[in-house]
Amino acid sequence: MAMDIPPNLSRVHLMGICGTAMAALAGTLQAQGLRVTGSDQHVYPPMSDHLAALGIRFAEGYRAENIPADAQLVVVGNVIQASNPEAQEAVRRGLPYISMAEAVRRFAIRDRYSIVIAGTHGKTTTTALMAHTLVELGADPGFLVGGIALNFSSNFRVGNGRCFVIEGDEYDTAYFDKRPKFFHYAPTALIFTSLEFDHADIYPDLAAIRRQFERLVAGLPREGLLVACADDAQVMDVAAGAPCPVVSYGHAGQAACRIEGWRATAEGCAFETVHRGEGEGGGDRLAWRLPLPGRHNAQNAAAVIALARQLGHPPPAIQGAFSSFRGVKRRQEVRGEAAGVLVIDDFAHHPTAIRVTIEAIRARYPGRRLWAVFEPRSFTARSDRFQGEFGAAFAGADRVVLANPFRSDYSAGKARPLDSGAVAAELRGRGVWAEACGDATAVLARLVELTQAGDVVLVMSNGGFDNLHERLLAALRARQEPALHGARRA
């Protein structure tokens, strides 16, 4: 929906302001001199803390009176339904309203060179690494990342350069616009990381999702660029429909930017790229070091290498940018260590993401017992859609603790709830110690009881998980105190 926006806009209200993209938009609008208000519910860090640090106040819960009397525009997050009291109030008052994605296009991307990172997996880390690299290279980009980029303690940057880097989500835009959000971002260059089934609440099958990516790729400008993952057959099939040049990357032998010799290091990983073809860097072999663990992060880095080189940046400068990259909050983020137990937070919620995250943490901390702790929270994860895939996804861990699905709000026969107990039973059949424990408090109790010094606890959820990470660290410290007092007495 394209609605008229007041020419002298100064006051904007955001509904669903604590979403990652909405919080970034709020900061962007404030940086442009607008007064920003908002509302949300069931809020949790890091976005709630991020907004507080920016000085952006928001109401918890949705009420008609949350929209200020002098508001000139309402931005509607995709969690908002038409029945929301604030959505109804905006209509009643005749206020212009637009989606978050459309607001990003109008107020942030505008007519800049739009670099969009899309795909089922790896979007956030690749977006953050691309943005950080361009900043370090002096390109002064704007960006919007689906998580807090640790180098900036933020998930947005206005920038004055010609490039804008943004994470492109295939989820629908708003209750009044059912197109995927990434169409609004009008990419000039597109990094396409992967294509698997996800978002079971809006897509019936993989074919329905693929059709959206086919439209996205087909809509690229002829002078644009597609950087496509050669390790994913679905991606490469879709890439064949691109009207612009295509540069492939990955571990596959046919990749134009081919990864070889990947190995884990104490800092993260190291690998080489071999560049095929007559274009930029054709025929050269380059060595890279990345302060992130996992083969999948080498893929993410190769995508950035391929695009940055196409933009004319030299490899030594790109490596220099990689060396200072600190990652993204909630992506393999170390939250702390207590009683000798290391606690790591990750956003993984799809079986593929869970599998590669476990592999990365295993390689990063060899010889330590690895606990995989999971809250099925997204609609797809807490449904039975991946009931058969989760067992294999968790099989690389030494111990697995599963919470029950976050909630069971399945309607219109779309799905049944995931059976966490059945997943645990399958894992035990594979020889992996596994339990289904109920809620976060029950999970916490088992971890406090059973973890030992030297263990690594990988906590995975795309929500707050009832603050399990900090509660576990606090409980482990409390568990350690009696032992310390006893040692002092001895």
Protein backbone atom coordinates (compact mmCIF):
# COMPACT_ATOMS: atom_id res chain seq x y z
CA MET A 1 0.00 0.00 0.00
CA ALA A 2 1.43 3.37 -1.02
CA MET A 3 -0.03 6.11 1.14
CA ASP A 4 0.76 9.80 1.02
CA ILE A 5 3.28 10.85 3.65
CA PRO A 6 3.14 14.41 5.00
CA PRO A 7 5.82 16.53 3.27
CA ASN A 8 7.03 18.01 6.57
CA LEU A 9 7.09 14.76 8.51
CA SER A 10 8.44 15.03 12.05
CA ARG A 11 6.48 12.58 14.26
CA VAL A 12 6.23 8.82 13.61
CA HIS A 13 4.69 6.00 15.66
CA LEU A 14 5.92 2.40 15.22
CA MET A 15 3.68 -0.55 16.08
CA GLY A 16 5.77 -3.60 16.98
CA ILE A 17 8.82 -1.44 17.64
CA CYS A 18 10.87 -4.14 19.41
CA GLY A 19 11.21 -6.32 16.33
CA THR A 20 14.79 -6.34 15.11
CA ALA A 21 14.08 -4.51 11.87
CA MET A 22 11.55 -2.19 13.50
CA ALA A 23 14.03 -1.18 16.20
CA ALA A 24 16.62 -0.46 13.51
CA LEU A 25 14.09 1.63 11.60
CA ALA A 26 13.24 3.52 14.79
CA GLY A 27 16.89 4.39 15.30
CA THR A 28 17.28 5.41 11.65
CA LEU A 29 14.27 7.73 11.81
CA GLN A 30 15.47 9.28 15.06
CA ALA A 31 18.93 9.84 13.53
CA GLN A 32 17.23 11.74 10.73
CA GLY A 33 15.71 14.15 13.24
CA LEU A 34 12.21 12.65 13.59
CA ARG A 35 10.50 12.14 16.94
CA VAL A 36 9.79 8.43 17.31
CA THR A 37 7.31 6.67 19.60
CA GLY A 38 6.22 3.06 19.59
CA SER A 39 4.53 0.12 21.23
CA ASP A 40 5.04 -3.62 21.56
CA GLN A 41 4.28 -6.56 23.83
CA HIS A 42 6.19 -9.54 25.26
CA VAL A 43 9.42 -7.55 24.92
CA TYR A 44 12.85 -8.89 25.82
CA PRO A 45 16.52 -8.00 25.23
CA PRO A 46 18.49 -7.17 23.23
CA MET A 47 16.08 -4.93 21.30
CA SER A 48 14.34 -3.52 24.36
CA ASP A 49 17.73 -2.57 25.83
CA HIS A 50 18.85 -1.17 22.48
CA LEU A 51 15.84 1.15 22.24
CA ALA A 52 16.37 2.27 25.83
CA ALA A 53 20.01 3.11 25.04
CA LEU A 54 18.80 5.22 22.10
CA GLY A 55 16.38 7.05 24.37
CA ILE A 56 13.35 5.87 22.39
CA ARG A 57 10.42 5.33 24.71
CA PHE A 58 7.71 2.82 23.91
CA ALA A 59 4.54 1.53 25.54
CA GLU A 60 4.19 -2.12 26.51
CA GLY A 61 0.91 -3.48 25.21
CA TYR A 62 -1.28 -2.14 22.43
CA ARG A 63 -3.87 0.54 23.19
CA ALA A 64 -5.48 3.21 21.02
CA GLU A 65 -4.16 5.95 23.29
CA ASN A 66 -0.55 4.87 22.64
CA ILE A 67 -0.62 6.74 19.33
CA PRO A 68 0.25 10.36 20.20
CA ALA A 69 -2.32 12.98 19.31
CA ASP A 70 0.18 14.72 17.01
CA ALA A 71 1.43 11.58 15.22
CA GLN A 72 1.68 12.14 11.45
CA LEU A 73 2.54 8.60 10.27
CA VAL A 74 2.13 5.08 11.64
CA VAL A 75 4.54 2.30 10.67
CA VAL A 76 3.02 -1.16 11.02
CA GLY A 77 5.18 -4.17 11.89
CA ASN A 78 4.32 -7.55 10.40
CA VAL A 79 3.28 -8.95 13.77
CA ILE A 80 0.32 -6.54 13.82
CA GLN A 81 -3.13 -7.75 12.80
CA ALA A 82 -6.00 -5.66 11.48
CA SER A 83 -7.84 -6.19 14.77
CA ASN A 84 -5.06 -4.53 16.78
CA PRO A 85 -6.53 -1.55 18.68
CA GLU A 86 -3.79 0.77 17.45
CA ALA A 87 -4.28 -0.34 13.84
CA GLN A 88 -7.98 0.40 14.22
CA GLU A 89 -7.25 3.76 15.83
CA ALA A 90 -4.98 4.78 12.95
CA VAL A 91 -7.77 4.01 10.50
CA ARG A 92 -10.36 5.80 12.63
CA ARG A 93 -8.20 8.94 12.75
CA GLY A 94 -7.34 8.78 9.07
CA LEU A 95 -3.61 8.60 9.77
CA PRO A 96 -1.34 7.52 6.92
CA TYR A 97 0.16 4.10 7.62
CA ILE A 98 2.78 2.02 5.81
CA SER A 99 4.65 -1.23 6.43
CA MET A 100 8.08 -1.42 8.00
CA ALA A 101 9.60 -2.63 4.73
CA GLU A 102 8.12 0.25 2.75
CA ALA A 103 9.31 2.73 5.39
CA VAL A 104 12.84 1.32 5.13
CA ARG A 105 12.77 1.78 1.36
CA ARG A 106 11.49 5.36 1.59
CA PHE A 107 13.52 6.64 4.54
CA ALA A 108 16.71 4.55 4.53
CA ILE A 109 17.48 2.97 1.14
CA ARG A 110 15.96 5.66 -1.07
CA ASP A 111 17.95 5.75 -4.35
CA ARG A 112 21.14 4.14 -3.03
CA TYR A 113 22.91 1.01 -4.32
CA SER A 114 20.86 -1.60 -2.46
CA ILE A 115 22.77 -4.70 -1.32
CA VAL A 116 20.27 -7.29 -0.08
CA ILE A 117 21.22 -10.52 1.69
CA ALA A 118 18.47 -13.14 1.36
CA GLY A 119 18.04 -16.86 1.96
CA THR A 120 16.88 -19.29 4.62
CA HIS A 121 20.13 -19.28 6.61
CA GLY A 122 23.06 -16.97 7.27
CA LYS A 123 21.35 -13.67 6.49
CA THR A 124 22.14 -11.83 9.72
CA THR A 125 25.82 -12.77 10.01
CA THR A 126 26.45 -12.15 6.30
CA THR A 127 24.68 -8.79 6.43
CA ALA A 128 26.68 -7.72 9.48
CA LEU A 129 29.97 -8.88 7.94
CA MET A 130 29.20 -7.14 4.62
CA ALA A 131 28.28 -3.90 6.41
CA HIS A 132 31.33 -4.01 8.69
CA THR A 133 33.63 -4.72 5.76
CA LEU A 134 32.34 -1.74 3.75
CA VAL A 135 32.64 0.53 6.79
CA GLU A 136 36.24 -0.55 7.34
CA LEU A 137 36.95 -0.06 3.64
CA GLY A 138 35.82 3.55 3.91
CA ALA A 139 32.65 3.15 1.82
CA ASP A 140 30.49 4.71 4.59
CA PRO A 141 27.44 2.50 3.93
CA GLY A 142 24.08 2.59 5.60
CA PHE A 143 22.85 -0.74 6.92
CA LEU A 144 20.04 -2.55 8.68
CA VAL A 145 20.89 -5.89 10.32
CA GLY A 146 18.53 -8.40 11.94
CA GLY A 147 20.57 -8.37 15.15
CA ILE A 148 22.93 -6.17 17.14
CA ALA A 149 26.25 -5.92 15.28
CA LEU A 150 28.84 -6.00 18.06
CA ASN A 151 31.28 -3.71 16.22
CA PHE A 152 28.67 -0.95 16.31
CA SER A 153 26.57 -1.94 19.36
CA SER A 154 23.68 -1.30 16.99
CA ASN A 155 21.72 -2.89 14.17
CA PHE A 156 21.51 0.19 11.97
CA ARG A 157 23.64 2.94 10.47
CA VAL A 158 22.52 5.83 8.31
CA GLY A 159 25.82 6.39 6.45
CA ASN A 160 26.47 8.80 3.61
CA GLY A 161 27.98 6.42 1.05
CA ARG A 162 26.26 5.10 -2.05
CA CYS A 163 25.64 1.59 -0.65
CA PHE A 164 22.93 0.41 1.72
CA VAL A 165 23.22 -3.14 3.12
CA ILE A 166 20.10 -4.87 4.38
CA GLU A 167 18.89 -8.30 5.43
CA GLY A 168 16.06 -9.36 3.11
CA ASP A 169 13.43 -11.54 4.75
CA GLU A 170 10.99 -13.74 2.81
CA TYR A 171 8.34 -13.36 5.52
CA ASP A 172 5.26 -11.36 4.54
CA THR A 173 5.24 -7.60 4.90
CA ALA A 174 2.09 -6.62 6.82
CA TYR A 175 -1.54 -7.58 7.30
CA PHE A 176 -2.38 -5.34 4.33
CA ASP A 177 0.59 -6.44 2.16
CA LYS A 178 1.30 -10.17 1.87
CA ARG A 179 4.37 -9.85 -0.35
CA PRO A 180 7.74 -10.87 1.13
CA LYS A 181 9.56 -7.93 2.66
CA PHE A 182 12.58 -8.29 0.41
CA PHE A 183 10.67 -7.03 -2.65
CA HIS A 184 10.46 -3.57 -1.09
CA TYR A 185 14.25 -3.29 -0.86
CA ALA A 186 14.73 -3.29 -4.68
CA PRO A 187 18.17 -4.95 -4.68
CA THR A 188 20.86 -3.88 -7.10
CA ALA A 189 23.15 -6.60 -5.74
CA LEU A 190 21.73 -9.74 -4.11
CA ILE A 191 23.54 -12.32 -1.98
CA PHE A 192 21.46 -15.52 -2.05
CA THR A 193 22.67 -17.84 0.75
CA SER A 194 20.33 -20.85 0.82
CA LEU A 195 16.81 -22.07 0.15
CA GLU A 196 14.93 -24.50 2.39
CA PHE A 197 11.42 -24.81 3.74
CA ASP A 198 10.58 -22.42 6.58
CA HIS A 199 7.74 -20.19 7.80
CA ALA A 200 5.12 -22.94 7.88
CA ASP A 201 2.57 -20.41 9.12
CA ILE A 202 2.47 -18.64 5.75
CA TYR A 203 3.99 -21.03 3.18
CA PRO A 204 2.49 -24.49 2.51
CA ASP A 205 5.66 -25.99 1.02
CA LEU A 206 9.12 -25.29 -0.40
CA ALA A 207 7.73 -24.68 -3.89
CA ALA A 208 5.71 -21.71 -2.60
CA ILE A 209 8.79 -20.15 -1.04
CA ARG A 210 10.89 -20.85 -4.11
CA ARG A 211 8.42 -18.96 -6.31
CA GLN A 212 9.05 -15.81 -4.26
CA PHE A 213 12.83 -16.12 -4.64
CA GLU A 214 12.41 -16.74 -8.38
CA ARG A 215 10.49 -13.46 -8.64
CA LEU A 216 13.15 -11.67 -6.59
CA VAL A 217 16.01 -12.94 -8.77
CA ALA A 218 14.12 -12.31 -12.03
CA GLY A 219 13.52 -8.72 -10.93
CA LEU A 220 17.19 -7.85 -10.52
CA PRO A 221 18.35 -5.07 -12.88
CA ARG A 222 20.47 -6.09 -15.87
CA GLU A 223 23.30 -3.98 -14.52
CA GLY A 224 22.97 -5.63 -11.11
CA LEU A 225 24.73 -8.64 -9.59
CA LEU A 226 23.68 -11.96 -8.06
CA VAL A 227 26.11 -13.64 -5.65
CA ALA A 228 24.75 -17.18 -5.24
CA CYS A 229 25.76 -20.11 -3.03
CA ALA A 230 27.00 -22.95 -5.23
CA ASP A 231 26.59 -25.45 -2.36
CA ASP A 232 22.78 -25.21 -2.56
CA ALA A 233 21.17 -26.82 -5.62
CA GLN A 234 17.93 -24.90 -5.10
CA VAL A 235 19.83 -21.60 -5.07
CA MET A 236 21.67 -22.40 -8.28
CA ASP A 237 18.48 -23.51 -10.04
CA VAL A 238 16.84 -20.20 -9.16
CA ALA A 239 19.99 -18.25 -10.08
CA ALA A 240 19.70 -19.55 -13.65
CA GLY A 241 16.81 -17.11 -14.10
CA ALA A 242 18.85 -14.00 -13.26
CA PRO A 243 18.95 -11.28 -15.94
CA CYS A 244 22.30 -10.01 -14.60
CA PRO A 245 25.79 -11.44 -14.02
CA VAL A 246 25.99 -14.28 -11.46
CA VAL A 247 29.02 -14.97 -9.25
CA SER A 248 28.84 -18.25 -7.35
CA TYR A 249 30.64 -19.07 -4.10
CA GLY A 250 31.05 -21.96 -1.70
CA HIS A 251 32.80 -25.28 -1.16
CA ALA A 252 31.44 -26.80 -4.40
CA GLY A 253 33.94 -27.46 -7.16
CA GLN A 254 32.06 -25.35 -9.70
CA ALA A 255 31.98 -22.22 -7.51
CA ALA A 256 33.53 -19.13 -9.08
CA CYS A 257 34.80 -18.19 -5.60
CA ARG A 258 35.66 -21.67 -4.30
CA ILE A 259 36.51 -22.38 -0.66
CA GLU A 260 39.34 -24.83 -0.06
CA GLY A 261 41.33 -26.02 2.95
CA TRP A 262 38.88 -24.91 5.63
CA ARG A 263 40.15 -25.58 9.16
CA ALA A 264 39.18 -24.58 12.66
CA THR A 265 41.52 -22.24 14.55
CA ALA A 266 41.69 -20.94 18.10
CA GLU A 267 40.20 -17.64 16.87
CA GLY A 268 37.59 -19.07 14.50
CA CYS A 269 38.61 -20.56 11.16
CA ALA A 270 40.98 -20.25 8.23
CA PHE A 271 40.50 -21.14 4.56
CA GLU A 272 41.54 -20.28 1.02
CA THR A 273 39.52 -19.08 -1.94
CA VAL A 274 40.29 -19.98 -5.53
CA HIS A 275 38.76 -17.58 -8.01
CA ARG A 276 37.72 -18.94 -11.40
CA GLY A 277 37.11 -17.01 -14.59
CA GLU A 278 38.26 -13.96 -16.47
CA GLY A 279 36.67 -11.35 -14.19
CA GLU A 280 37.88 -9.69 -10.99
CA GLY A 281 40.55 -11.89 -9.39
CA GLY A 282 40.22 -14.66 -11.97
CA GLY A 283 42.72 -17.44 -11.35
CA ASP A 284 44.11 -16.29 -8.00
CA ARG A 285 44.34 -18.20 -4.71
CA LEU A 286 43.98 -16.22 -1.50
CA ALA A 287 44.31 -17.14 2.18
CA TRP A 288 41.77 -15.86 4.72
CA ARG A 289 41.32 -15.90 8.48
CA LEU A 290 37.95 -15.26 10.09
CA PRO A 291 37.19 -14.74 13.81
CA LEU A 292 34.05 -16.90 13.50
CA PRO A 293 33.86 -20.69 13.79
CA GLY A 294 32.23 -23.09 11.35
CA ARG A 295 32.30 -24.06 7.68
CA HIS A 296 29.04 -22.18 7.22
CA ASN A 297 30.71 -18.94 8.29
CA ALA A 298 33.40 -19.51 5.67
CA GLN A 299 30.52 -19.61 3.18
CA ASN A 300 29.16 -16.34 4.56
CA ALA A 301 32.60 -14.76 4.30
CA ALA A 302 33.11 -16.03 0.73
CA ALA A 303 29.89 -14.28 -0.32
CA VAL A 304 31.21 -11.02 1.14
CA ILE A 305 34.60 -11.53 -0.52
CA ALA A 306 32.98 -12.12 -3.90
CA LEU A 307 30.77 -9.02 -3.70
CA ALA A 308 33.40 -6.73 -2.18
CA ARG A 309 35.84 -7.63 -4.97
CA GLN A 310 33.17 -6.96 -7.59
CA LEU A 311 32.80 -3.52 -6.01
CA GLY A 312 36.52 -2.96 -6.57
CA HIS A 313 37.96 -3.51 -3.10
CA PRO A 314 41.37 -5.25 -2.83
CA PRO A 315 41.74 -8.55 -0.93
CA PRO A 316 44.26 -7.27 1.69
CA ALA A 317 41.84 -4.55 2.73
CA ILE A 318 38.96 -7.06 2.91
CA GLN A 319 41.07 -9.35 5.13
CA GLY A 320 41.89 -6.39 7.36
CA ALA A 321 38.18 -5.76 7.82
CA PHE A 322 37.53 -9.44 8.61
CA SER A 323 40.21 -9.41 11.31
CA SER A 324 38.31 -6.82 13.36
CA PHE A 325 34.83 -8.33 12.93
CA ARG A 326 33.25 -9.16 16.30
CA GLY A 327 30.07 -10.87 15.16
CA VAL A 328 26.42 -10.39 16.07
CA LYS A 329 24.60 -10.67 19.35
CA ARG A 330 22.82 -14.01 19.73
CA ARG A 331 24.86 -15.65 16.96
CA GLN A 332 27.25 -18.03 18.76
CA GLU A 333 27.58 -15.33 21.40
CA VAL A 334 29.50 -16.26 24.55
CA ARG A 335 27.34 -15.07 27.44
CA GLY A 336 29.77 -16.02 30.20
CA GLU A 337 31.46 -18.81 32.13
CA ALA A 338 30.73 -19.93 35.68
CA ALA A 339 31.86 -22.98 37.64
CA GLY A 340 33.92 -23.90 34.58
CA VAL A 341 30.80 -24.10 32.38
CA LEU A 342 30.77 -21.93 29.23
CA VAL A 343 27.31 -20.64 28.20
CA ILE A 344 26.71 -19.68 24.54
CA ASP A 345 23.59 -18.09 23.05
CA ASP A 346 22.43 -18.69 19.47
CA PHE A 347 19.34 -17.83 17.42
CA ALA A 348 19.19 -21.20 15.61
CA HIS A 349 15.69 -22.66 15.25
CA HIS A 350 15.74 -24.58 11.94
CA PRO A 351 17.24 -28.12 11.82
CA THR A 352 19.93 -27.08 9.33
CA ALA A 353 20.94 -24.05 11.41
CA ILE A 354 21.00 -26.20 14.56
CA ARG A 355 23.21 -28.83 12.91
CA VAL A 356 25.80 -26.39 11.54
CA THR A 357 25.85 -24.39 14.79
CA ILE A 358 26.57 -27.53 16.79
CA GLU A 359 29.32 -28.46 14.30
CA ALA A 360 30.85 -24.98 14.62
CA ILE A 361 30.84 -24.98 18.42
CA ARG A 362 32.24 -28.52 18.48
CA ALA A 363 35.14 -27.39 16.26
CA ARG A 364 35.66 -24.20 18.28
CA TYR A 365 35.88 -26.04 21.65
CA PRO A 366 37.37 -29.47 20.92
CA GLY A 367 37.56 -31.93 23.78
CA ARG A 368 34.80 -30.25 25.84
CA ARG A 369 31.44 -31.90 26.49
CA LEU A 370 28.80 -30.10 24.45
CA TRP A 371 25.23 -29.59 25.67
CA ALA A 372 22.64 -28.52 23.08
CA VAL A 373 19.64 -26.85 24.73
CA PHE A 374 16.69 -25.91 22.54
CA GLU A 375 13.42 -24.02 22.85
CA PRO A 376 11.06 -24.71 19.89
CA ARG A 377 9.65 -21.20 19.54
CA SER A 378 9.11 -20.14 15.91
CA PHE A 379 5.91 -21.48 14.34
CA THR A 380 7.86 -23.88 12.13
CA ALA A 381 10.10 -25.15 14.94
CA ARG A 382 7.28 -25.72 17.42
CA SER A 383 5.14 -27.49 14.82
CA ASP A 384 5.62 -31.11 13.77
CA ARG A 385 6.91 -30.02 10.33
CA PHE A 386 10.50 -31.00 11.26
CA GLN A 387 9.65 -33.77 13.72
CA GLY A 388 11.74 -36.22 11.69
CA GLU A 389 14.67 -33.87 11.03
CA PHE A 390 15.45 -32.65 14.54
CA GLY A 391 16.99 -35.95 15.66
CA ALA A 392 19.73 -35.79 13.03
CA ALA A 393 20.21 -32.06 13.67
CA PHE A 394 21.06 -32.58 17.35
CA ALA A 395 23.07 -35.80 16.91
CA GLY A 396 26.42 -33.95 16.97
CA ALA A 397 25.99 -32.91 20.63
CA ASP A 398 27.00 -34.96 23.65
CA ARG A 399 23.93 -34.02 25.70
CA VAL A 400 20.60 -32.62 24.47
CA VAL A 401 17.93 -30.93 26.59
CA LEU A 402 14.67 -29.94 24.88
CA ALA A 403 11.99 -27.64 26.19
CA ASN A 404 8.38 -28.15 25.22
CA PRO A 405 7.08 -25.98 22.35
CA PHE A 406 6.76 -22.33 23.36
CA ARG A 407 3.01 -22.46 22.82
CA SER A 408 0.45 -24.48 20.88
CA ASP A 409 -1.48 -21.92 18.84
CA TYR A 410 -2.08 -23.99 15.71
CA SER A 411 -5.12 -22.97 13.73
CA ALA A 412 -6.88 -23.93 10.51
CA GLY A 413 -5.23 -27.36 10.65
CA LYS A 414 -1.86 -25.93 9.59
CA ALA A 415 0.18 -28.09 11.95
CA ARG A 416 0.34 -30.13 15.11
CA PRO A 417 2.79 -29.43 17.95
CA LEU A 418 6.29 -30.79 17.95
CA ASP A 419 6.68 -33.77 20.29
CA SER A 420 9.87 -32.92 22.20
CA GLY A 421 9.71 -36.24 24.04
CA ALA A 422 9.71 -38.17 20.76
CA VAL A 423 12.74 -36.19 19.52
CA ALA A 424 14.56 -37.01 22.77
CA ALA A 425 13.64 -40.69 22.39
CA GLU A 426 14.98 -40.75 18.82
CA LEU A 427 18.24 -39.22 20.00
CA ARG A 428 18.58 -41.83 22.73
CA GLY A 429 18.07 -44.45 20.01
CA ARG A 430 21.05 -42.89 18.23
CA GLY A 431 23.13 -43.23 21.40
CA VAL A 432 22.89 -39.55 22.39
CA TRP A 433 21.90 -38.65 25.97
CA ALA A 434 18.70 -36.59 25.65
CA GLU A 435 15.79 -35.39 27.77
CA ALA A 436 12.62 -33.37 27.23
CA CYS A 437 12.18 -31.25 30.34
CA GLY A 438 9.14 -29.02 29.99
CA ASP A 439 9.60 -25.29 30.53
CA ALA A 440 12.70 -23.13 30.98
CA THR A 441 12.67 -23.54 34.77
CA ALA A 442 12.73 -27.33 34.45
CA VAL A 443 15.52 -27.10 31.87
CA LEU A 444 17.48 -24.84 34.22
CA ALA A 445 17.15 -27.29 37.11
CA ARG A 446 18.55 -30.17 35.04
CA LEU A 447 21.46 -28.12 33.76
CA VAL A 448 22.41 -26.95 37.24
CA GLU A 449 22.21 -30.53 38.47
CA LEU A 450 24.14 -32.24 35.67
CA THR A 451 26.66 -29.86 34.11
CA GLN A 452 30.31 -30.12 35.12
CA ALA A 453 33.42 -27.96 34.84
CA GLY A 454 34.68 -28.04 31.27
CA ASP A 455 31.21 -28.32 29.71
CA VAL A 456 29.92 -26.01 26.97
CA VAL A 457 26.19 -25.24 27.04
CA LEU A 458 24.81 -24.05 23.69
CA VAL A 459 21.37 -22.47 24.22
CA MET A 460 19.30 -22.11 21.03
CA SER A 461 16.06 -20.17 20.65
CA ASN A 462 14.73 -17.39 18.45
CA GLY A 463 13.11 -15.83 21.52
CA GLY A 464 14.01 -14.91 25.08
CA PHE A 465 13.81 -18.49 26.51
CA ASP A 466 12.80 -16.94 29.82
CA ASN A 467 16.31 -15.49 30.22
CA LEU A 468 17.73 -19.00 30.63
CA HIS A 469 21.31 -17.91 29.84
CA GLU A 470 21.67 -15.43 32.69
CA ARG A 471 19.66 -17.57 35.11
CA LEU A 472 21.97 -20.51 34.39
CA LEU A 473 25.12 -18.45 34.90
CA ALA A 474 23.75 -17.07 38.18
CA ALA A 475 22.83 -20.57 39.40
CA LEU A 476 26.24 -21.96 38.43
CA ARG A 477 27.96 -19.17 40.36
CA ALA A 478 25.80 -19.95 43.38
CA ARG A 479 26.64 -23.66 42.99
CA GLN A 480 30.33 -22.78 42.92
CA GLU A 481 30.30 -20.69 46.11
CA PRO A 482 29.97 -23.54 48.65
CA ALA A 483 32.88 -25.35 46.99
CA LEU A 484 35.02 -22.22 47.16
CA HIS A 485 34.19 -21.66 50.83
CA GLY A 486 35.01 -25.30 51.55
CA ALA A 487 38.35 -24.99 49.78
CA ARG A 488 39.19 -21.88 51.82
CA ARG A 489 38.38 -23.66 55.10
CA ALA A 490 40.56 -26.59 54.10
